[in-house]
Amino acid sequence: MSGADERDHGRDDNERTFAALPPARGRGFAQTWWGQAWLKALEDTALDGEQLKRGRRQAREGAVGAVSVRPGRITAVVRDRDGTAQRSDVLLQELSEAEWDGFLDMAVDRAGHIAALLDREMPPHLVEDAAAAGVELLPGIGDLEPECTCGAWDQCLHTAALCYEVARLLDQDPFVLLLMRGRSEHRLLGELQIRSVARATATAPKSEPARTPEGVRADEAFAARDTLPTLPAPPPLPDEPGLPPALDTETPPAPGLDAAALEFLAAQAAARAHLMLADALSPAHQQQPSEVVLTEAADAARLAAAAPGPTIAGRLATGTGRGRAELDLAVRAWHFGGATALAALEEEWLPEPELLARARTALAEAWEETERPQLRPLGSGRWTVVGADAQLRLGRDGRWWPYRKERGRWAPAGPADHDPAAALAGALAETG
């Protein structure tokens, strides 16, 4: 979340400068939790609502120039509609050393917070937990002190526009708020790392001095091979996958997080783990372990085959470059034969001539000459029946897949068969 942005022109431990952002017409100033929280704090504590409205209009029109962020101060040049430039500063009280100590102790005490911060993420609950520890990250009444060359003694439209622009910067990187409060990202993460290591070292149990193992002679170990106990039997396979955790809580999800989609993925992961465990415990697996690595497109079809609902299905289609109709065909193929059937739908390959020659012989022997369907090639390993909406496709596993045309698209019509005549009869029956 806090990686360097293309708009971030300067960056050191004590100052960051962001280039001017484009106008924000037709959209809100903040899209993320942190940006919206800053705006709420700003608007809840403002003494002059009219100046805020005027500043919001100025910021929306792109009047705020490059923004410099330092501990205790944000600065930018804001232009009036007539082009007059005003230097605007907004001062925010830095946290004291005692407050930073409380904040760092709170973060180290909560495994989720320190893991997120060290991964350069800012969890929304950080504000509430910091407040409980006596540290206010967001500004309160009287915390924002404006200074502007326009001569206003209090909040003016220029400093208000700057504050609205800060909300957009927090969308890019919420660590900007901590820099305003007095700690750069680099320094903060360094201090967190040191405290985390110190806490882990202090609480770790003291170990006994390591003893050098005596070892066993090779001839003795070999002689004892027949006396070793057998491995215990594997645990029984559960009757069904476990239930994923419920994410329907009183706390709203973070911006951009789809709780329903996450619950669906968790349920699918549990189901897939159950199938993999069943495969691993089967006798056939001991002789020839099965390993199928799915592509992103194939895995999307697998997920869509579980009927996740139109919203998630739409995201799966978009994420793999398919339309909804194409995803529906992929799901039908998956139901008929998994990844192998999906490959027959979406891939073309060049079969060996011997495979095609054997298939022609099988087809010739299956019908009388006067009743035999006339086939014409349509791509590699694909034969279409002349005068009928039926088709055969040869899969890479040597089996033949029946297809029929539906609304101008070739669609899977059933499971595969090693006998091309049987597969073709099924396709013709569907079109009859």
Protein backbone atom coordinates (compact mmCIF):
# COMPACT_ATOMS: atom_id res chain seq x y z
CA MET A 1 0.00 0.00 0.00
CA SER A 2 2.89 2.37 0.71
CA GLY A 3 5.11 1.59 -2.23
CA ALA A 4 6.54 4.53 -4.19
CA ASP A 5 3.95 6.04 -6.50
CA GLU A 6 4.68 7.52 -9.92
CA ARG A 7 3.42 10.83 -8.53
CA ASP A 8 5.85 10.72 -5.58
CA HIS A 9 8.75 12.92 -6.77
CA GLY A 10 10.76 13.22 -3.62
CA ARG A 11 11.17 10.91 -0.70
CA ASP A 12 13.43 10.88 2.33
CA ASP A 13 12.94 10.17 6.00
CA ASN A 14 11.35 13.54 6.78
CA GLU A 15 9.64 14.82 3.63
CA ARG A 16 7.61 13.54 0.71
CA THR A 17 6.42 15.60 -2.25
CA PHE A 18 3.50 14.51 -4.41
CA ALA A 19 2.90 16.02 -7.85
CA ALA A 20 -0.39 17.77 -8.47
CA LEU A 21 -3.32 15.41 -8.96
CA PRO A 22 -5.78 15.80 -11.84
CA PRO A 23 -9.26 17.29 -11.25
CA ALA A 24 -11.66 15.06 -9.31
CA ARG A 25 -14.81 15.88 -11.24
CA GLY A 26 -17.55 13.28 -11.08
CA ARG A 27 -16.01 11.24 -8.26
CA GLY A 28 -15.54 11.38 -4.53
CA PHE A 29 -12.34 12.73 -3.04
CA ALA A 30 -11.54 9.54 -1.20
CA GLN A 31 -12.09 5.92 -2.16
CA THR A 32 -10.25 4.08 0.62
CA TRP A 33 -11.04 3.79 4.32
CA TRP A 34 -8.13 6.06 5.29
CA GLY A 35 -9.04 8.83 2.88
CA GLN A 36 -12.69 8.74 3.96
CA ALA A 37 -11.70 8.73 7.65
CA TRP A 38 -9.56 11.86 7.12
CA LEU A 39 -12.48 13.63 5.39
CA LYS A 40 -14.89 12.67 8.15
CA ALA A 41 -12.51 13.99 10.81
CA LEU A 42 -12.00 17.18 8.79
CA GLU A 43 -15.70 17.83 8.23
CA ASP A 44 -16.76 16.85 11.77
CA THR A 45 -14.30 19.30 13.36
CA ALA A 46 -14.59 22.23 10.92
CA LEU A 47 -15.80 25.51 12.39
CA ASP A 48 -16.64 27.10 9.03
CA GLY A 49 -18.61 24.77 6.79
CA GLU A 50 -18.88 27.37 4.00
CA GLN A 51 -15.10 27.61 3.61
CA LEU A 52 -14.94 23.81 3.43
CA LYS A 53 -17.47 23.78 0.58
CA ARG A 54 -15.52 26.43 -1.34
CA GLY A 55 -12.26 24.57 -0.76
CA ARG A 56 -13.80 21.32 -1.90
CA ARG A 57 -14.82 23.00 -5.18
CA GLN A 58 -11.30 24.36 -5.67
CA ALA A 59 -9.72 20.96 -5.04
CA ARG A 60 -12.23 19.25 -7.32
CA GLU A 61 -11.24 21.62 -10.13
CA GLY A 62 -7.53 20.71 -9.78
CA ALA A 63 -6.42 24.01 -8.21
CA VAL A 64 -4.03 22.38 -5.72
CA GLY A 65 -0.41 22.08 -6.87
CA ALA A 66 2.30 19.71 -5.66
CA VAL A 67 1.84 18.76 -2.00
CA SER A 68 4.78 18.57 0.38
CA VAL A 69 4.30 16.46 3.50
CA ARG A 70 6.59 16.82 6.53
CA PRO A 71 6.24 16.04 10.23
CA GLY A 72 3.69 18.50 11.58
CA ARG A 73 3.03 20.31 8.28
CA ILE A 74 1.56 19.95 4.79
CA THR A 75 2.21 22.60 2.15
CA ALA A 76 0.96 23.38 -1.37
CA VAL A 77 0.32 26.25 -3.76
CA VAL A 78 -3.41 26.70 -4.39
CA ARG A 79 -4.65 28.83 -7.30
CA ASP A 80 -7.79 30.91 -7.29
CA ARG A 81 -10.08 30.88 -10.30
CA ASP A 82 -8.43 34.08 -11.55
CA GLY A 83 -5.04 32.37 -11.50
CA THR A 84 -3.73 34.02 -8.31
CA ALA A 85 -1.43 31.63 -6.45
CA GLN A 86 -1.49 31.31 -2.65
CA ARG A 87 0.93 29.32 -0.53
CA SER A 88 -1.11 27.32 1.96
CA ASP A 89 0.13 25.38 4.97
CA VAL A 90 -1.81 23.23 7.41
CA LEU A 91 -0.10 22.36 10.68
CA LEU A 92 -0.94 19.19 12.58
CA GLN A 93 0.45 18.55 16.06
CA GLU A 94 3.14 15.85 16.08
CA LEU A 95 2.77 13.00 18.53
CA SER A 96 5.02 13.16 21.57
CA GLU A 97 7.70 10.56 22.27
CA ALA A 98 5.46 9.09 24.97
CA GLU A 99 2.56 8.83 22.52
CA TRP A 100 4.77 7.14 19.93
CA ASP A 101 5.95 4.70 22.59
CA GLY A 102 2.33 3.89 23.38
CA PHE A 103 1.52 3.47 19.69
CA LEU A 104 4.49 1.15 19.06
CA ASP A 105 3.73 -0.94 22.17
CA MET A 106 0.11 -1.27 21.07
CA ALA A 107 1.15 -2.38 17.55
CA VAL A 108 3.64 -4.95 18.89
CA ASP A 109 1.03 -6.33 21.31
CA ARG A 110 -1.36 -7.07 18.43
CA ALA A 111 0.02 -9.66 16.05
CA GLY A 112 -2.32 -8.62 13.25
CA HIS A 113 -1.29 -4.97 13.40
CA ILE A 114 2.44 -5.56 13.47
CA ALA A 115 2.24 -8.12 10.67
CA ALA A 116 0.27 -5.68 8.52
CA LEU A 117 2.52 -2.70 9.26
CA LEU A 118 5.72 -4.63 8.58
CA ASP A 119 4.10 -5.69 5.30
CA ARG A 120 3.49 -1.99 4.60
CA GLU A 121 -0.26 -2.20 5.09
CA MET A 122 -2.35 0.03 7.35
CA PRO A 123 -5.28 -1.85 8.92
CA PRO A 124 -8.37 0.35 9.54
CA HIS A 125 -8.74 -0.83 13.16
CA LEU A 126 -5.37 0.80 13.88
CA VAL A 127 -7.17 4.11 14.59
CA GLU A 128 -9.50 2.59 17.20
CA ASP A 129 -6.79 0.55 18.89
CA ALA A 130 -4.42 3.53 18.94
CA ALA A 131 -7.16 5.69 20.50
CA ALA A 132 -7.68 3.03 23.17
CA ALA A 133 -3.97 3.34 23.91
CA GLY A 134 -4.33 7.13 24.27
CA VAL A 135 -3.00 8.03 20.81
CA GLU A 136 -5.22 9.99 18.38
CA LEU A 137 -4.03 9.56 14.80
CA LEU A 138 -6.82 11.48 13.06
CA PRO A 139 -7.18 15.22 13.75
CA GLY A 140 -9.67 16.44 16.33
CA ILE A 141 -11.22 19.85 16.98
CA GLY A 142 -8.50 22.50 16.86
CA ASP A 143 -5.78 20.09 15.72
CA LEU A 144 -5.50 21.55 12.19
CA GLU A 145 -3.90 25.01 12.21
CA PRO A 146 -4.16 26.81 8.82
CA GLU A 147 -1.67 29.35 7.43
CA CYS A 148 -2.15 31.03 4.08
CA THR A 149 -0.67 33.97 2.20
CA CYS A 150 -4.21 35.14 1.40
CA GLY A 151 -4.22 36.68 4.88
CA ALA A 152 -7.14 34.74 6.36
CA TRP A 153 -6.83 34.33 10.13
CA ASP A 154 -8.64 30.96 10.15
CA GLN A 155 -9.49 28.20 7.71
CA CYS A 156 -9.79 29.64 4.18
CA LEU A 157 -10.80 28.03 0.92
CA HIS A 158 -7.11 27.48 0.04
CA THR A 159 -6.22 25.52 3.19
CA ALA A 160 -9.54 23.67 2.95
CA ALA A 161 -8.71 22.66 -0.64
CA LEU A 162 -5.31 21.41 0.58
CA CYS A 163 -6.99 19.29 3.27
CA TYR A 164 -9.31 17.72 0.69
CA GLU A 165 -6.29 16.94 -1.50
CA VAL A 166 -4.65 15.16 1.44
CA ALA A 167 -7.58 12.72 1.46
CA ARG A 168 -6.62 11.68 -2.07
CA LEU A 169 -2.98 11.26 -1.01
CA LEU A 170 -4.09 8.99 1.82
CA ASP A 171 -5.82 6.85 -0.82
CA GLN A 172 -2.37 6.32 -2.35
CA ASP A 173 -0.48 5.85 0.91
CA PRO A 174 -1.99 6.06 4.43
CA PHE A 175 1.55 6.21 5.88
CA VAL A 176 1.36 9.90 4.91
CA LEU A 177 -0.78 10.42 8.03
CA LEU A 178 1.93 8.93 10.26
CA LEU A 179 4.52 11.19 8.60
CA MET A 180 2.36 14.22 9.42
CA ARG A 181 2.20 12.97 13.02
CA GLY A 182 6.02 12.79 13.17
CA ARG A 183 7.24 9.39 11.99
CA SER A 184 8.46 8.48 8.51
CA GLU A 185 7.57 5.07 7.20
CA HIS A 186 11.22 3.98 7.24
CA ARG A 187 11.76 5.01 10.85
CA LEU A 188 8.45 3.61 12.04
CA LEU A 189 9.00 0.19 10.47
CA GLY A 190 12.57 0.07 11.80
CA GLU A 191 11.39 0.77 15.35
CA LEU A 192 8.60 -1.81 15.02
CA GLN A 193 11.08 -4.43 13.84
CA ILE A 194 13.42 -3.77 16.75
CA ARG A 195 10.60 -3.94 19.33
CA SER A 196 9.15 -7.06 17.77
CA VAL A 197 12.48 -8.89 17.90
CA ALA A 198 13.11 -7.71 21.45
CA ARG A 199 9.64 -8.86 22.56
CA ALA A 200 10.11 -12.28 20.95
CA THR A 201 13.56 -12.70 22.51
CA ALA A 202 12.31 -11.74 25.98
CA THR A 203 9.40 -14.19 25.90
CA ALA A 204 11.20 -17.12 24.24
CA PRO A 205 11.85 -20.09 26.57
CA LYS A 206 15.47 -20.61 27.48
CA SER A 207 16.84 -23.65 25.72
CA GLU A 208 19.26 -26.18 27.16
CA PRO A 209 22.76 -26.35 25.72
CA ALA A 210 22.78 -28.40 22.55
CA ARG A 211 24.19 -31.89 22.89
CA THR A 212 26.08 -33.57 20.11
CA PRO A 213 24.10 -36.68 19.03
CA GLU A 214 25.93 -39.93 19.47
CA GLY A 215 24.59 -41.42 16.26
CA VAL A 216 24.17 -45.06 15.24
CA ARG A 217 26.61 -47.23 13.33
CA ALA A 218 25.50 -47.87 9.75
CA ASP A 219 25.70 -51.67 10.05
CA GLU A 220 23.54 -51.57 13.22
CA ALA A 221 20.90 -49.40 11.56
CA PHE A 222 20.78 -51.73 8.56
CA ALA A 223 20.48 -54.81 10.75
CA ALA A 224 17.50 -53.27 12.59
CA ARG A 225 15.50 -52.61 9.45
CA ASP A 226 13.14 -55.54 10.03
CA THR A 227 12.48 -54.69 13.67
CA LEU A 228 11.26 -51.12 13.15
CA PRO A 229 7.55 -50.56 13.79
CA THR A 230 5.31 -49.96 10.80
CA LEU A 231 3.98 -46.50 10.12
CA PRO A 232 0.58 -45.79 11.67
CA ALA A 233 -2.46 -45.93 9.42
CA PRO A 234 -3.51 -42.58 7.97
CA PRO A 235 -6.49 -40.90 9.64
CA PRO A 236 -9.90 -41.55 8.08
CA LEU A 237 -11.10 -39.20 5.38
CA PRO A 238 -13.72 -36.73 6.67
CA ASP A 239 -17.18 -37.25 5.20
CA GLU A 240 -17.23 -33.72 3.77
CA PRO A 241 -15.09 -30.58 3.66
CA GLY A 242 -15.02 -28.34 6.70
CA LEU A 243 -17.02 -25.13 6.82
CA PRO A 244 -15.09 -21.92 6.06
CA PRO A 245 -15.18 -19.06 8.58
CA ALA A 246 -18.17 -16.71 8.38
CA LEU A 247 -17.17 -13.16 7.41
CA ASP A 248 -20.57 -11.61 8.11
CA THR A 249 -19.54 -9.49 11.10
CA GLU A 250 -20.56 -6.12 12.47
CA THR A 251 -17.35 -4.57 11.12
CA PRO A 252 -17.60 -3.56 7.44
CA PRO A 253 -14.92 -5.01 5.15
CA ALA A 254 -11.97 -2.93 4.04
CA PRO A 255 -12.43 -0.98 0.80
CA GLY A 256 -12.04 -3.21 -2.24
CA LEU A 257 -12.57 -6.42 -0.25
CA ASP A 258 -15.51 -8.55 -1.42
CA ALA A 259 -16.48 -10.62 1.63
CA ALA A 260 -18.89 -12.82 -0.35
CA ALA A 261 -16.18 -13.64 -2.90
CA LEU A 262 -13.70 -14.42 -0.11
CA GLU A 263 -16.18 -16.77 1.58
CA PHE A 264 -16.78 -18.49 -1.76
CA LEU A 265 -13.03 -18.94 -2.35
CA ALA A 266 -12.56 -20.34 1.17
CA ALA A 267 -15.37 -22.87 0.62
CA GLN A 268 -13.88 -23.88 -2.73
CA ALA A 269 -10.42 -24.25 -1.21
CA ALA A 270 -11.84 -26.55 1.47
CA ALA A 271 -13.66 -28.64 -1.15
CA ARG A 272 -10.53 -28.92 -3.29
CA ALA A 273 -8.41 -29.88 -0.28
CA HIS A 274 -10.92 -32.62 0.55
CA LEU A 275 -10.69 -34.00 -3.01
CA MET A 276 -6.88 -33.88 -2.95
CA LEU A 277 -6.82 -35.72 0.38
CA ALA A 278 -9.21 -38.37 -0.97
CA ASP A 279 -6.95 -38.79 -3.99
CA ALA A 280 -3.84 -39.03 -1.80
CA LEU A 281 -5.42 -41.75 0.39
CA SER A 282 -6.67 -43.84 -2.54
CA PRO A 283 -4.72 -47.00 -3.53
CA ALA A 284 -4.41 -45.72 -7.11
CA HIS A 285 -2.49 -42.68 -5.88
CA GLN A 286 0.20 -44.87 -4.36
CA GLN A 287 0.92 -46.40 -7.76
CA GLN A 288 0.58 -43.31 -9.94
CA PRO A 289 0.08 -40.01 -8.11
CA SER A 290 -2.12 -37.64 -10.05
CA GLU A 291 -1.01 -34.06 -10.43
CA VAL A 292 -3.00 -31.60 -12.51
CA VAL A 293 -1.74 -28.03 -12.63
CA LEU A 294 -4.53 -25.71 -13.71
CA THR A 295 -3.99 -22.54 -15.66
CA GLU A 296 -5.62 -19.36 -14.43
CA ALA A 297 -8.33 -19.67 -17.11
CA ALA A 298 -9.01 -23.31 -16.24
CA ASP A 299 -9.20 -22.57 -12.53
CA ALA A 300 -11.68 -19.77 -13.20
CA ALA A 301 -13.88 -22.27 -15.07
CA ARG A 302 -13.60 -24.68 -12.12
CA LEU A 303 -14.69 -21.96 -9.71
CA ALA A 304 -17.52 -20.80 -11.96
CA ALA A 305 -18.75 -24.39 -12.21
CA ALA A 306 -19.59 -24.19 -8.51
CA ALA A 307 -22.37 -21.66 -9.31
CA PRO A 308 -21.01 -18.73 -7.29
CA GLY A 309 -23.73 -16.31 -8.41
CA PRO A 310 -23.81 -13.71 -11.17
CA THR A 311 -21.54 -11.14 -9.50
CA ILE A 312 -18.63 -13.50 -8.83
CA ALA A 313 -19.15 -15.27 -12.15
CA GLY A 314 -18.91 -11.91 -13.90
CA ARG A 315 -15.63 -11.15 -12.15
CA LEU A 316 -14.26 -14.58 -13.13
CA ALA A 317 -15.21 -13.94 -16.73
CA THR A 318 -13.62 -10.48 -16.77
CA GLY A 319 -10.50 -11.64 -14.97
CA THR A 320 -9.79 -14.28 -17.62
CA GLY A 321 -10.72 -12.20 -20.65
CA ARG A 322 -13.92 -14.11 -21.39
CA GLY A 323 -17.43 -12.92 -21.98
CA ARG A 324 -20.24 -14.42 -19.92
CA ALA A 325 -21.32 -16.63 -22.85
CA GLU A 326 -17.76 -17.92 -23.21
CA LEU A 327 -17.54 -18.62 -19.49
CA ASP A 328 -20.85 -20.53 -19.64
CA LEU A 329 -19.39 -22.77 -22.36
CA ALA A 330 -16.24 -23.29 -20.29
CA VAL A 331 -18.37 -24.28 -17.28
CA ARG A 332 -20.32 -26.78 -19.40
CA ALA A 333 -17.06 -28.29 -20.66
CA TRP A 334 -15.76 -28.50 -17.10
CA HIS A 335 -18.86 -30.41 -15.99
CA PHE A 336 -18.32 -32.92 -18.81
CA GLY A 337 -14.65 -33.60 -18.21
CA GLY A 338 -12.70 -31.05 -16.19
CA ALA A 339 -9.47 -29.58 -17.54
CA THR A 340 -9.28 -32.11 -20.40
CA ALA A 341 -12.72 -31.12 -21.70
CA LEU A 342 -11.87 -27.45 -21.30
CA ALA A 343 -8.73 -27.89 -23.39
CA ALA A 344 -10.82 -29.49 -26.16
CA LEU A 345 -13.08 -26.42 -26.09
CA GLU A 346 -10.46 -23.70 -26.05
CA GLU A 347 -7.31 -25.17 -27.62
CA GLU A 348 -6.38 -26.43 -31.07
CA TRP A 349 -3.52 -28.86 -31.62
CA LEU A 350 -2.11 -30.98 -34.44
CA PRO A 351 -2.79 -34.71 -33.87
CA GLU A 352 -0.63 -37.49 -35.26
CA PRO A 353 -1.85 -38.66 -38.71
CA GLU A 354 -2.16 -42.24 -37.38
CA LEU A 355 -4.78 -41.12 -34.82
CA LEU A 356 -6.90 -39.52 -37.52
CA ALA A 357 -6.52 -42.50 -39.85
CA ARG A 358 -7.73 -44.92 -37.16
CA ALA A 359 -10.67 -42.64 -36.42
CA ARG A 360 -11.70 -42.54 -40.11
CA THR A 361 -11.62 -46.33 -40.19
CA ALA A 362 -13.77 -46.59 -37.07
CA LEU A 363 -16.29 -44.12 -38.48
CA ALA A 364 -16.41 -45.94 -41.83
CA GLU A 365 -17.12 -49.26 -40.13
CA ALA A 366 -19.86 -47.85 -37.89
CA TRP A 367 -22.32 -46.87 -40.68
CA GLU A 368 -23.45 -48.24 -43.97
CA GLU A 369 -22.04 -46.26 -46.83
CA THR A 370 -25.38 -44.72 -47.73
CA GLU A 371 -26.04 -43.66 -44.11
CA ARG A 372 -22.55 -42.57 -43.15
CA PRO A 373 -22.34 -38.90 -42.05
CA GLN A 374 -20.20 -36.80 -44.33
CA LEU A 375 -17.43 -35.04 -42.43
CA ARG A 376 -15.23 -32.11 -43.37
CA PRO A 377 -12.18 -30.88 -41.45
CA LEU A 378 -12.62 -27.68 -39.46
CA GLY A 379 -9.24 -26.99 -37.91
CA SER A 380 -6.76 -29.46 -36.46
CA GLY A 381 -8.45 -32.54 -35.01
CA ARG A 382 -11.97 -31.16 -35.57
CA TRP A 383 -14.50 -32.68 -37.98
CA THR A 384 -17.88 -31.10 -38.71
CA VAL A 385 -20.86 -33.06 -40.06
CA VAL A 386 -22.05 -31.66 -43.39
CA GLY A 387 -25.69 -30.61 -43.18
CA ALA A 388 -25.94 -31.01 -39.40
CA ASP A 389 -24.98 -28.92 -36.41
CA ALA A 390 -22.70 -31.63 -35.03
CA GLN A 391 -18.94 -31.83 -34.62
CA LEU A 392 -16.19 -34.10 -33.29
CA ARG A 393 -13.09 -32.84 -31.49
CA LEU A 394 -10.05 -34.93 -30.67
CA GLY A 395 -8.57 -34.28 -27.23
CA ARG A 396 -4.92 -34.61 -26.32
CA ASP A 397 -5.75 -37.76 -24.35
CA GLY A 398 -6.88 -39.51 -27.57
CA ARG A 399 -10.61 -39.32 -26.78
CA TRP A 400 -13.27 -37.75 -28.98
CA TRP A 401 -15.63 -35.04 -27.73
CA PRO A 402 -19.11 -34.46 -29.20
CA TYR A 403 -20.10 -30.88 -29.98
CA ARG A 404 -23.21 -29.19 -31.33
CA LYS A 405 -23.86 -25.66 -32.55
CA GLU A 406 -26.02 -23.47 -30.34
CA ARG A 407 -26.82 -19.87 -31.21
CA GLY A 408 -23.86 -19.71 -33.56
CA ARG A 409 -21.34 -21.22 -31.11
CA TRP A 410 -19.92 -24.71 -30.87
CA ALA A 411 -20.84 -26.08 -27.46
CA PRO A 412 -19.83 -29.32 -25.64
CA ALA A 413 -22.61 -31.89 -26.04
CA GLY A 414 -21.49 -34.69 -23.72
CA PRO A 415 -18.59 -36.63 -22.24
CA ALA A 416 -15.72 -37.95 -24.36
CA ASP A 417 -15.41 -41.45 -25.85
CA HIS A 418 -12.44 -43.38 -27.18
CA ASP A 419 -14.69 -44.46 -30.07
CA PRO A 420 -15.27 -41.51 -32.44
CA ALA A 421 -18.39 -43.18 -33.84
CA ALA A 422 -20.00 -43.37 -30.40
CA ALA A 423 -19.14 -39.73 -29.70
CA LEU A 424 -20.52 -38.65 -33.09
CA ALA A 425 -23.72 -40.63 -32.55
CA GLY A 426 -24.22 -38.73 -29.32
CA ALA A 427 -23.72 -35.37 -31.03
CA LEU A 428 -26.12 -36.31 -33.84
CA ALA A 429 -28.72 -37.49 -31.36
CA GLU A 430 -28.58 -34.12 -29.62
CA THR A 431 -29.22 -32.32 -32.92
CA GLY A 432 -31.92 -34.71 -34.16
